[in-house]
Structures are given as structure tokens and as C-alpha cells.
Amino acid sequence: MILFRHGRARIFSKFVTDVLSKINIVTLSRESYEKLPDFGDEYGLDFDDAYQCKVAEERGLTVITMDKDFRSVKDRIEVEFM
């Protein structure tokens, strides 16, 4: 959005070409979206942190973060603090 705002859409296109071929985009199952508010409440997480945790839990991934809010879930998912 910032690149478009500053007339740099070509840089965005180059970024997409360079990066998207090297990553996988993952999301939650439909069922997990319904459980997200309860999960967030249980661990004291806002939406984006709860979302990342649930994706990690479903996919067997590790959350790598500097965000101390993830301390509350380290017994449930693997979290690596930088």
C-alpha cells in the first residue's frame, strides 16, 4: 500500500515476483476461525497474535517472535523468542 501511495508500484511487482515464489501462504481451517475468540480470551491475545498461534498449532509450525505476549502459549505451541 505504501509503495502504491508513493508511485512505486513497480517495486511492489518486483517484490512479489522475488518473494512469493519462495514462500507458502497458510491460513486457518474454517472451523478454527469460529474458535479464535475463545483462544484469544484464554491466552490474553489480540486477534493477530491468536491467529498466528492457531495457524502454528494447526500446521505444526514454530512462532518466531520478539513479542512477549506469546509467553502465554509456549506450553501449547513452539515459540522461539529472538
C-alpha atoms as a PDB file:
ATOM      1  CA  MET A   1       0.000   0.000   0.000  1.00  0.00           C
ATOM      2  CA  ILE A   2       2.810   2.407   0.870  1.00  0.00           C
ATOM      3  CA  LEU A   3       4.634   1.691  -2.379  1.00  0.00           C
ATOM      4  CA  PHE A   4       1.482   2.372  -4.390  1.00  0.00           C
ATOM      5  CA  ARG A   5       0.863   5.575  -2.460  1.00  0.00           C
ATOM      6  CA  HIS A   6       4.363   6.786  -3.345  1.00  0.00           C
ATOM      7  CA  GLY A   7       4.110   5.845  -7.022  1.00  0.00           C
ATOM      8  CA  ARG A   8       6.409   2.823  -6.639  1.00  0.00           C
ATOM      9  CA  ALA A   9       4.087   0.053  -7.849  1.00  0.00           C
ATOM     10  CA  ARG A  10       6.877  -1.452  -9.978  1.00  0.00           C
ATOM     11  CA  ILE A  11       8.931  -2.113  -6.842  1.00  0.00           C
ATOM     12  CA  PHE A  12       5.929  -3.943  -5.413  1.00  0.00           C
ATOM     13  CA  SER A  13       5.714  -6.080  -8.546  1.00  0.00           C
ATOM     14  CA  LYS A  14       9.399  -6.942  -8.287  1.00  0.00           C
ATOM     15  CA  PHE A  15       8.978  -7.817  -4.611  1.00  0.00           C
ATOM     16  CA  VAL A  16       6.047 -10.111  -5.383  1.00  0.00           C
ATOM     17  CA  THR A  17       7.983 -11.827  -8.160  1.00  0.00           C
ATOM     18  CA  ASP A  18      11.058 -12.314  -5.950  1.00  0.00           C
ATOM     19  CA  VAL A  19       9.337 -13.352  -2.727  1.00  0.00           C
ATOM     20  CA  LEU A  20       6.087 -15.163  -3.455  1.00  0.00           C
ATOM     21  CA  SER A  21       7.793 -17.957  -5.358  1.00  0.00           C
ATOM     22  CA  LYS A  22       9.820 -18.745  -2.222  1.00  0.00           C
ATOM     23  CA  ILE A  23       7.069 -18.830   0.417  1.00  0.00           C
ATOM     24  CA  ASN A  24       3.851 -20.636   1.229  1.00  0.00           C
ATOM     25  CA  ILE A  25       0.870 -18.703   2.485  1.00  0.00           C
ATOM     26  CA  VAL A  26      -1.069 -20.608   5.134  1.00  0.00           C
ATOM     27  CA  THR A  27      -4.412 -19.925   6.723  1.00  0.00           C
ATOM     28  CA  LEU A  28      -6.735 -21.417   9.302  1.00  0.00           C
ATOM     29  CA  SER A  29      -9.324 -24.070   8.676  1.00  0.00           C
ATOM     30  CA  ARG A  30     -12.894 -22.769   8.655  1.00  0.00           C
ATOM     31  CA  GLU A  31     -13.597 -24.437  11.994  1.00  0.00           C
ATOM     32  CA  SER A  32     -10.696 -22.665  13.697  1.00  0.00           C
ATOM     33  CA  TYR A  33     -11.998 -19.226  12.773  1.00  0.00           C
ATOM     34  CA  GLU A  34     -15.009 -19.852  14.993  1.00  0.00           C
ATOM     35  CA  LYS A  35     -12.759 -20.853  17.916  1.00  0.00           C
ATOM     36  CA  LEU A  36     -10.402 -17.883  17.552  1.00  0.00           C
ATOM     37  CA  PRO A  37     -12.172 -15.521  20.000  1.00  0.00           C
ATOM     38  CA  ASP A  38     -12.150 -18.153  22.761  1.00  0.00           C
ATOM     39  CA  PHE A  39      -8.497 -18.925  22.124  1.00  0.00           C
ATOM     40  CA  GLY A  40      -7.592 -15.233  22.283  1.00  0.00           C
ATOM     41  CA  ASP A  41      -9.525 -14.782  25.517  1.00  0.00           C
ATOM     42  CA  GLU A  42      -7.992 -17.890  27.099  1.00  0.00           C
ATOM     43  CA  TYR A  43      -4.427 -16.695  26.491  1.00  0.00           C
ATOM     44  CA  GLY A  44      -4.955 -12.923  26.598  1.00  0.00           C
ATOM     45  CA  LEU A  45      -4.069 -12.430  22.923  1.00  0.00           C
ATOM     46  CA  ASP A  46      -5.333  -9.899  20.421  1.00  0.00           C
ATOM     47  CA  PHE A  47      -6.675 -11.065  17.056  1.00  0.00           C
ATOM     48  CA  ASP A  48      -3.434 -11.176  15.075  1.00  0.00           C
ATOM     49  CA  ASP A  49      -1.469 -12.975  17.822  1.00  0.00           C
ATOM     50  CA  ALA A  50      -4.268 -15.503  18.356  1.00  0.00           C
ATOM     51  CA  TYR A  51      -4.469 -16.055  14.595  1.00  0.00           C
ATOM     52  CA  GLN A  52      -0.731 -16.723  14.305  1.00  0.00           C
ATOM     53  CA  CYS A  53      -0.847 -19.155  17.236  1.00  0.00           C
ATOM     54  CA  LYS A  54      -3.771 -21.111  15.828  1.00  0.00           C
ATOM     55  CA  VAL A  55      -2.085 -21.358  12.415  1.00  0.00           C
ATOM     56  CA  ALA A  56       1.103 -22.585  14.082  1.00  0.00           C
ATOM     57  CA  GLU A  57      -0.863 -25.096  16.146  1.00  0.00           C
ATOM     58  CA  GLU A  58      -2.788 -26.465  13.146  1.00  0.00           C
ATOM     59  CA  ARG A  59       0.238 -26.657  10.871  1.00  0.00           C
ATOM     60  CA  GLY A  60       2.842 -27.769  13.422  1.00  0.00           C
ATOM     61  CA  LEU A  61       4.843 -24.573  12.944  1.00  0.00           C
ATOM     62  CA  THR A  62       7.039 -22.549  15.284  1.00  0.00           C
ATOM     63  CA  VAL A  63       6.275 -18.908  16.020  1.00  0.00           C
ATOM     64  CA  ILE A  64       9.476 -16.851  15.974  1.00  0.00           C
ATOM     65  CA  THR A  65       8.893 -13.512  17.629  1.00  0.00           C
ATOM     66  CA  MET A  66      10.079 -10.675  19.803  1.00  0.00           C
ATOM     67  CA  ASP A  67       6.538 -10.212  21.164  1.00  0.00           C
ATOM     68  CA  LYS A  68       6.354 -11.154  24.847  1.00  0.00           C
ATOM     69  CA  ASP A  69       2.589 -11.793  24.543  1.00  0.00           C
ATOM     70  CA  PHE A  70       3.460 -15.210  23.140  1.00  0.00           C
ATOM     71  CA  ARG A  71       4.848 -16.336  26.512  1.00  0.00           C
ATOM     72  CA  SER A  72       1.326 -17.356  27.499  1.00  0.00           C
ATOM     73  CA  VAL A  73       1.111 -20.005  24.744  1.00  0.00           C
ATOM     74  CA  LYS A  74       4.593 -21.527  24.901  1.00  0.00           C
ATOM     75  CA  ASP A  75       3.171 -24.592  26.674  1.00  0.00           C
ATOM     76  CA  ARG A  76       0.722 -25.130  23.800  1.00  0.00           C
ATOM     77  CA  ILE A  77       2.822 -24.349  20.704  1.00  0.00           C
ATOM     78  CA  GLU A  78       6.515 -23.989  19.986  1.00  0.00           C
ATOM     79  CA  VAL A  79       7.637 -20.381  20.367  1.00  0.00           C
ATOM     80  CA  GLU A  80      11.152 -19.114  19.780  1.00  0.00           C
ATOM     81  CA  PHE A  81      11.962 -15.686  21.174  1.00  0.00           C
ATOM     82  CA  MET A  82      14.556 -13.552  19.412  1.00  0.00           C
END
